[in-house]
PDB file of N, CA and C in Angstrom:
ATOM      1  N   UNK A   1     -66.602 225.857  67.546  1.00  0.00           N
ATOM      2  CA  UNK A   1     -65.783 225.497  66.416  1.00  0.00           C
ATOM      3  C   UNK A   1     -64.768 224.441  66.854  1.00  0.00           C
ATOM      4  N   UNK A   2     -64.625 223.419  66.047  1.00  0.00           N
ATOM      5  CA  UNK A   2     -63.677 222.348  66.335  1.00  0.00           C
ATOM      6  C   UNK A   2     -62.288 222.750  65.840  1.00  0.00           C
ATOM      7  N   UNK A   3     -61.288 222.616  66.697  1.00  0.00           N
ATOM      8  CA  UNK A   3     -59.906 222.922  66.340  1.00  0.00           C
ATOM      9  C   UNK A   3     -59.168 221.602  66.124  1.00  0.00           C
ATOM     10  N   UNK A   4     -58.484 221.509  64.997  1.00  0.00           N
ATOM     11  CA  UNK A   4     -57.709 220.309  64.665  1.00  0.00           C
ATOM     12  C   UNK A   4     -56.238 220.691  64.596  1.00  0.00           C
ATOM     13  N   UNK A   5     -55.409 219.955  65.282  1.00  0.00           N
ATOM     14  CA  UNK A   5     -53.965 220.191  65.258  1.00  0.00           C
ATOM     15  C   UNK A   5     -53.295 219.145  64.382  1.00  0.00           C
ATOM     16  N   UNK A   6     -52.354 219.577  63.570  1.00  0.00           N
ATOM     17  CA  UNK A   6     -51.633 218.680  62.679  1.00  0.00           C
ATOM     18  C   UNK A   6     -50.219 219.212  62.471  1.00  0.00           C
ATOM     19  N   UNK A   7     -49.337 218.348  61.999  1.00  0.00           N
ATOM     20  CA  UNK A   7     -47.965 218.781  61.724  1.00  0.00           C
ATOM     21  C   UNK A   7     -47.860 219.541  60.411  1.00  0.00           C
ATOM     22  N   UNK A   8     -48.665 219.146  59.429  1.00  0.00           N
ATOM     23  CA  UNK A   8     -48.625 219.835  58.138  1.00  0.00           C
ATOM     24  C   UNK A   8     -50.016 219.875  57.514  1.00  0.00           C
ATOM     25  N   UNK A   9     -50.254 220.952  56.803  1.00  0.00           N
ATOM     26  CA  UNK A   9     -51.499 221.131  56.079  1.00  0.00           C
ATOM     27  C   UNK A   9     -51.151 221.236  54.604  1.00  0.00           C
ATOM     28  N   UNK A  10     -51.653 220.306  53.820  1.00  0.00           N
ATOM     29  CA  UNK A  10     -51.383 220.275  52.386  1.00  0.00           C
ATOM     30  C   UNK A  10     -52.600 220.852  51.679  1.00  0.00           C
ATOM     31  N   UNK A  11     -52.368 221.883  50.881  1.00  0.00           N
ATOM     32  CA  UNK A  11     -53.452 222.522  50.131  1.00  0.00           C
ATOM     33  C   UNK A  11     -53.450 221.939  48.722  1.00  0.00           C
ATOM     34  N   UNK A  12     -54.491 221.199  48.385  1.00  0.00           N
ATOM     35  CA  UNK A  12     -54.623 220.604  47.053  1.00  0.00           C
ATOM     36  C   UNK A  12     -54.481 219.091  47.100  1.00  0.00           C
ATOM     37  N   UNK A  13     -55.422 218.400  46.462  1.00  0.00           N
ATOM     38  CA  UNK A  13     -55.437 216.940  46.474  1.00  0.00           C
ATOM     39  C   UNK A  13     -55.001 216.318  45.160  1.00  0.00           C
ATOM     40  N   UNK A  14     -54.242 217.066  44.357  1.00  0.00           N
ATOM     41  CA  UNK A  14     -53.717 216.508  43.110  1.00  0.00           C
ATOM     42  C   UNK A  14     -52.497 215.637  43.389  1.00  0.00           C
ATOM     43  N   UNK A  15     -51.792 215.266  42.333  1.00  0.00           N
ATOM     44  CA  UNK A  15     -50.629 214.385  42.493  1.00  0.00           C
ATOM     45  C   UNK A  15     -49.564 214.984  43.403  1.00  0.00           C
ATOM     46  N   UNK A  16     -49.264 216.262  43.245  1.00  0.00           N
ATOM     47  CA  UNK A  16     -48.237 216.893  44.073  1.00  0.00           C
ATOM     48  C   UNK A  16     -48.650 216.920  45.540  1.00  0.00           C
ATOM     49  N   UNK A  17     -49.906 217.263  45.809  1.00  0.00           N
ATOM     50  CA  UNK A  17     -50.382 217.300  47.187  1.00  0.00           C
ATOM     51  C   UNK A  17     -50.369 215.939  47.846  1.00  0.00           C
ATOM     52  N   UNK A  18     -50.826 214.925  47.122  1.00  0.00           N
ATOM     53  CA  UNK A  18     -50.819 213.568  47.675  1.00  0.00           C
ATOM     54  C   UNK A  18     -49.398 213.077  47.907  1.00  0.00           C
ATOM     55  N   UNK A  19     -48.487 213.414  46.993  1.00  0.00           N
ATOM     56  CA  UNK A  19     -47.096 212.977  47.133  1.00  0.00           C
ATOM     57  C   UNK A  19     -46.426 213.600  48.350  1.00  0.00           C
ATOM     58  N   UNK A  20     -46.675 214.881  48.581  1.00  0.00           N
ATOM     59  CA  UNK A  20     -46.063 215.526  49.739  1.00  0.00           C
ATOM     60  C   UNK A  20     -46.647 214.983  51.037  1.00  0.00           C
ATOM     61  N   UNK A  21     -47.932 214.633  51.037  1.00  0.00           N
ATOM     62  CA  UNK A  21     -48.548 214.039  52.234  1.00  0.00           C
ATOM     63  C   UNK A  21     -47.929 212.674  52.529  1.00  0.00           C
ATOM     64  N   UNK A  22     -47.646 211.896  51.488  1.00  0.00           N
ATOM     65  CA  UNK A  22     -46.991 210.590  51.669  1.00  0.00           C
ATOM     66  C   UNK A  22     -45.583 210.788  52.224  1.00  0.00           C
ATOM     67  N   UNK A  23     -44.844 211.741  51.652  1.00  0.00           N
ATOM     68  CA  UNK A  23     -43.478 212.008  52.118  1.00  0.00           C
ATOM     69  C   UNK A  23     -43.470 212.474  53.573  1.00  0.00           C
ATOM     70  N   UNK A  24     -44.428 213.316  53.942  1.00  0.00           N
ATOM     71  CA  UNK A  24     -44.514 213.791  55.325  1.00  0.00           C
ATOM     72  C   UNK A  24     -44.798 212.622  56.269  1.00  0.00           C
ATOM     73  N   UNK A  25     -45.702 211.728  55.879  1.00  0.00           N
ATOM     74  CA  UNK A  25     -46.033 210.563  56.712  1.00  0.00           C
ATOM     75  C   UNK A  25     -44.819 209.660  56.885  1.00  0.00           C
ATOM     76  N   UNK A  26     -44.034 209.484  55.817  1.00  0.00           N
ATOM     77  CA  UNK A  26     -42.828 208.653  55.891  1.00  0.00           C
ATOM     78  C   UNK A  26     -41.813 209.234  56.870  1.00  0.00           C
ATOM     79  N   UNK A  27     -41.863 210.542  57.071  1.00  0.00           N
ATOM     80  CA  UNK A  27     -40.950 211.203  58.008  1.00  0.00           C
ATOM     81  C   UNK A  27     -41.553 211.324  59.409  1.00  0.00           C
ATOM     82  N   UNK A  28     -42.765 210.768  59.589  1.00  0.00           N
ATOM     83  CA  UNK A  28     -43.377 210.739  60.906  1.00  0.00           C
ATOM     84  C   UNK A  28     -44.292 211.906  61.229  1.00  0.00           C
ATOM     85  N   UNK A  29     -44.663 212.691  60.232  1.00  0.00           N
ATOM     86  CA  UNK A  29     -45.551 213.831  60.442  1.00  0.00           C
ATOM     87  C   UNK A  29     -46.983 213.463  60.082  1.00  0.00           C
ATOM     88  N   UNK A  30     -47.920 214.016  60.827  1.00  0.00           N
ATOM     89  CA  UNK A  30     -49.335 213.864  60.498  1.00  0.00           C
ATOM     90  C   UNK A  30     -49.716 214.993  59.553  1.00  0.00           C
ATOM     91  N   UNK A  31     -50.470 214.673  58.516  1.00  0.00           N
ATOM     92  CA  UNK A  31     -50.874 215.675  57.532  1.00  0.00           C
ATOM     93  C   UNK A  31     -52.377 215.653  57.326  1.00  0.00           C
ATOM     94  N   UNK A  32     -52.891 216.794  56.976  1.00  0.00           N
ATOM     95  CA  UNK A  32     -54.277 216.924  56.544  1.00  0.00           C
ATOM     96  C   UNK A  32     -54.221 217.503  55.143  1.00  0.00           C
ATOM     97  N   UNK A  33     -54.991 216.903  54.225  1.00  0.00           N
ATOM     98  CA  UNK A  33     -55.072 217.404  52.861  1.00  0.00           C
ATOM     99  C   UNK A  33     -56.376 218.176  52.726  1.00  0.00           C
ATOM    100  N   UNK A  34     -56.271 219.418  52.288  1.00  0.00           N
ATOM    101  CA  UNK A  34     -57.430 220.280  52.086  1.00  0.00           C
ATOM    102  C   UNK A  34     -57.589 220.493  50.587  1.00  0.00           C
ATOM    103  N   UNK A  35     -58.729 220.075  50.062  1.00  0.00           N
ATOM    104  CA  UNK A  35     -58.972 220.179  48.630  1.00  0.00           C
ATOM    105  C   UNK A  35     -60.415 220.583  48.379  1.00  0.00           C
ATOM    106  N   UNK A  36     -60.624 221.338  47.317  1.00  0.00           N
ATOM    107  CA  UNK A  36     -61.984 221.750  46.973  1.00  0.00           C
ATOM    108  C   UNK A  36     -62.798 220.603  46.397  1.00  0.00           C
ATOM    109  N   UNK A  37     -62.108 219.601  45.846  1.00  0.00           N
ATOM    110  CA  UNK A  37     -62.802 218.461  45.245  1.00  0.00           C
ATOM    111  C   UNK A  37     -62.087 217.175  45.629  1.00  0.00           C
ATOM    112  N   UNK A  38     -62.757 216.028  45.522  1.00  0.00           N
ATOM    113  CA  UNK A  38     -62.115 214.754  45.837  1.00  0.00           C
ATOM    114  C   UNK A  38     -60.896 214.501  44.938  1.00  0.00           C
ATOM    115  N   UNK A  39     -59.934 213.756  45.452  1.00  0.00           N
ATOM    116  CA  UNK A  39     -58.696 213.494  44.709  1.00  0.00           C
ATOM    117  C   UNK A  39     -58.964 212.858  43.347  1.00  0.00           C
ATOM    118  N   UNK A  40     -59.968 212.027  43.244  1.00  0.00           N
ATOM    119  CA  UNK A  40     -60.262 211.379  41.959  1.00  0.00           C
ATOM    120  C   UNK A  40     -60.748 212.374  40.910  1.00  0.00           C
ATOM    121  N   UNK A  41     -61.146 213.570  41.341  1.00  0.00           N
ATOM    122  CA  UNK A  41     -61.625 214.588  40.398  1.00  0.00           C
ATOM    123  C   UNK A  41     -60.617 215.713  40.231  1.00  0.00           C
ATOM    124  N   UNK A  42     -59.397 215.527  40.726  1.00  0.00           N
ATOM    125  CA  UNK A  42     -58.389 216.581  40.640  1.00  0.00           C
ATOM    126  C   UNK A  42     -57.952 216.800  39.193  1.00  0.00           C
ATOM    127  N   UNK A  43     -57.271 217.905  38.954  1.00  0.00           N
ATOM    128  CA  UNK A  43     -56.761 218.191  37.612  1.00  0.00           C
ATOM    129  C   UNK A  43     -55.731 217.140  37.204  1.00  0.00           C
ATOM    130  N   UNK A  44     -55.006 216.595  38.166  1.00  0.00           N
ATOM    131  CA  UNK A  44     -54.030 215.543  37.861  1.00  0.00           C
ATOM    132  C   UNK A  44     -54.715 214.308  37.294  1.00  0.00           C
ATOM    133  N   UNK A  45     -55.850 213.950  37.869  1.00  0.00           N
ATOM    134  CA  UNK A  45     -56.595 212.791  37.375  1.00  0.00           C
ATOM    135  C   UNK A  45     -57.136 213.066  35.977  1.00  0.00           C
ATOM    136  N   UNK A  46     -57.556 214.293  35.738  1.00  0.00           N
ATOM    137  CA  UNK A  46     -58.080 214.649  34.418  1.00  0.00           C
ATOM    138  C   UNK A  46     -56.988 214.591  33.362  1.00  0.00           C
ATOM    139  N   UNK A  47     -55.750 214.883  33.726  1.00  0.00           N
ATOM    140  CA  UNK A  47     -54.633 214.886  32.775  1.00  0.00           C
ATOM    141  C   UNK A  47     -54.021 213.500  32.601  1.00  0.00           C
ATOM    142  N   UNK A  48     -54.427 212.553  33.410  1.00  0.00           N
ATOM    143  CA  UNK A  48     -53.794 211.232  33.435  1.00  0.00           C
ATOM    144  C   UNK A  48     -53.804 210.548  32.070  1.00  0.00           C
ATOM    145  N   UNK A  49     -54.891 210.619  31.353  1.00  0.00           N
ATOM    146  CA  UNK A  49     -54.948 209.979  30.038  1.00  0.00           C
ATOM    147  C   UNK A  49     -53.921 210.566  29.092  1.00  0.00           C
ATOM    148  N   UNK A  50     -53.773 211.878  29.115  1.00  0.00           N
ATOM    149  CA  UNK A  50     -52.772 212.538  28.274  1.00  0.00           C
ATOM    150  C   UNK A  50     -51.362 212.176  28.667  1.00  0.00           C
ATOM    151  N   UNK A  51     -51.106 212.044  29.978  1.00  0.00           N
ATOM    152  CA  UNK A  51     -49.762 211.659  30.428  1.00  0.00           C
ATOM    153  C   UNK A  51     -49.452 210.239  29.997  1.00  0.00           C
ATOM    154  N   UNK A  52     -50.425 209.366  30.109  1.00  0.00           N
ATOM    155  CA  UNK A  52     -50.202 207.973  29.721  1.00  0.00           C
ATOM    156  C   UNK A  52     -49.874 207.892  28.234  1.00  0.00           C
ATOM    157  N   UNK A  53     -50.595 208.634  27.423  1.00  0.00           N
ATOM    158  CA  UNK A  53     -50.377 208.585  25.981  1.00  0.00           C
ATOM    159  C   UNK A  53     -48.989 209.106  25.624  1.00  0.00           C
ATOM    160  N   UNK A  54     -48.587 210.197  26.242  1.00  0.00           N
ATOM    161  CA  UNK A  54     -47.299 210.776  25.879  1.00  0.00           C
ATOM    162  C   UNK A  54     -46.129 209.945  26.388  1.00  0.00           C
ATOM    163  N   UNK A  55     -46.309 209.248  27.489  1.00  0.00           N
ATOM    164  CA  UNK A  55     -45.233 208.434  28.041  1.00  0.00           C
ATOM    165  C   UNK A  55     -45.291 206.997  27.537  1.00  0.00           C
ATOM    166  N   UNK A  56     -46.425 206.592  27.007  1.00  0.00           N
ATOM    167  CA  UNK A  56     -46.569 205.203  26.571  1.00  0.00           C
ATOM    168  C   UNK A  56     -46.373 204.246  27.731  1.00  0.00           C
ATOM    169  N   UNK A  57     -46.793 204.664  28.939  1.00  0.00           N
ATOM    170  CA  UNK A  57     -46.483 203.920  30.152  1.00  0.00           C
ATOM    171  C   UNK A  57     -47.522 202.856  30.508  1.00  0.00           C
ATOM    172  N   UNK A  58     -48.598 202.753  29.753  1.00  0.00           N
ATOM    173  CA  UNK A  58     -49.637 201.798  30.130  1.00  0.00           C
ATOM    174  C   UNK A  58     -50.036 200.940  28.934  1.00  0.00           C
ATOM    175  N   UNK A  59     -50.837 199.953  29.233  1.00  0.00           N
ATOM    176  CA  UNK A  59     -51.308 199.035  28.196  1.00  0.00           C
ATOM    177  C   UNK A  59     -52.020 199.802  27.091  1.00  0.00           C
ATOM    178  N   UNK A  60     -52.849 200.772  27.496  1.00  0.00           N
ATOM    179  CA  UNK A  60     -53.575 201.558  26.495  1.00  0.00           C
ATOM    180  C   UNK A  60     -52.633 202.471  25.699  1.00  0.00           C
ATOM    181  N   UNK A  61     -51.427 202.675  26.186  1.00  0.00           N
ATOM    182  CA  UNK A  61     -50.473 203.531  25.496  1.00  0.00           C
ATOM    183  C   UNK A  61     -49.509 202.782  24.601  1.00  0.00           C
ATOM    184  N   UNK A  62     -49.696 201.475  24.442  1.00  0.00           N
ATOM    185  CA  UNK A  62     -48.795 200.703  23.590  1.00  0.00           C
ATOM    186  C   UNK A  62     -48.761 201.282  22.194  1.00  0.00           C
ATOM    187  N   UNK A  63     -47.569 201.468  21.664  1.00  0.00           N
ATOM    188  CA  UNK A  63     -47.415 201.995  20.320  1.00  0.00           C
ATOM    189  C   UNK A  63     -47.328 203.514  20.281  1.00  0.00           C
ATOM    190  N   UNK A  64     -47.623 204.185  21.415  1.00  0.00           N
ATOM    191  CA  UNK A  64     -47.505 205.645  21.446  1.00  0.00           C
ATOM    192  C   UNK A  64     -46.034 206.034  21.473  1.00  0.00           C
ATOM    193  N   UNK A  65     -45.729 207.126  20.848  1.00  0.00           N
ATOM    194  CA  UNK A  65     -44.366 207.664  20.915  1.00  0.00           C
ATOM    195  C   UNK A  65     -44.389 209.177  20.894  1.00  0.00           C
TER     196      UNK A  65
END
């Protein structure tokens, strides 16, 4: 069995997991992200269209309120 050593283990590849991995890297820690599915298929990615519509934050959201 291969043993991997890391400073932090992030469980979940959604927006929160990716954000904490970025923050850990900025502080000089190595992180491994463990996810059941690729980040592009996370629940955060699935909700992205709804978030864009409610925030009106993108071109496709123009006119949303």
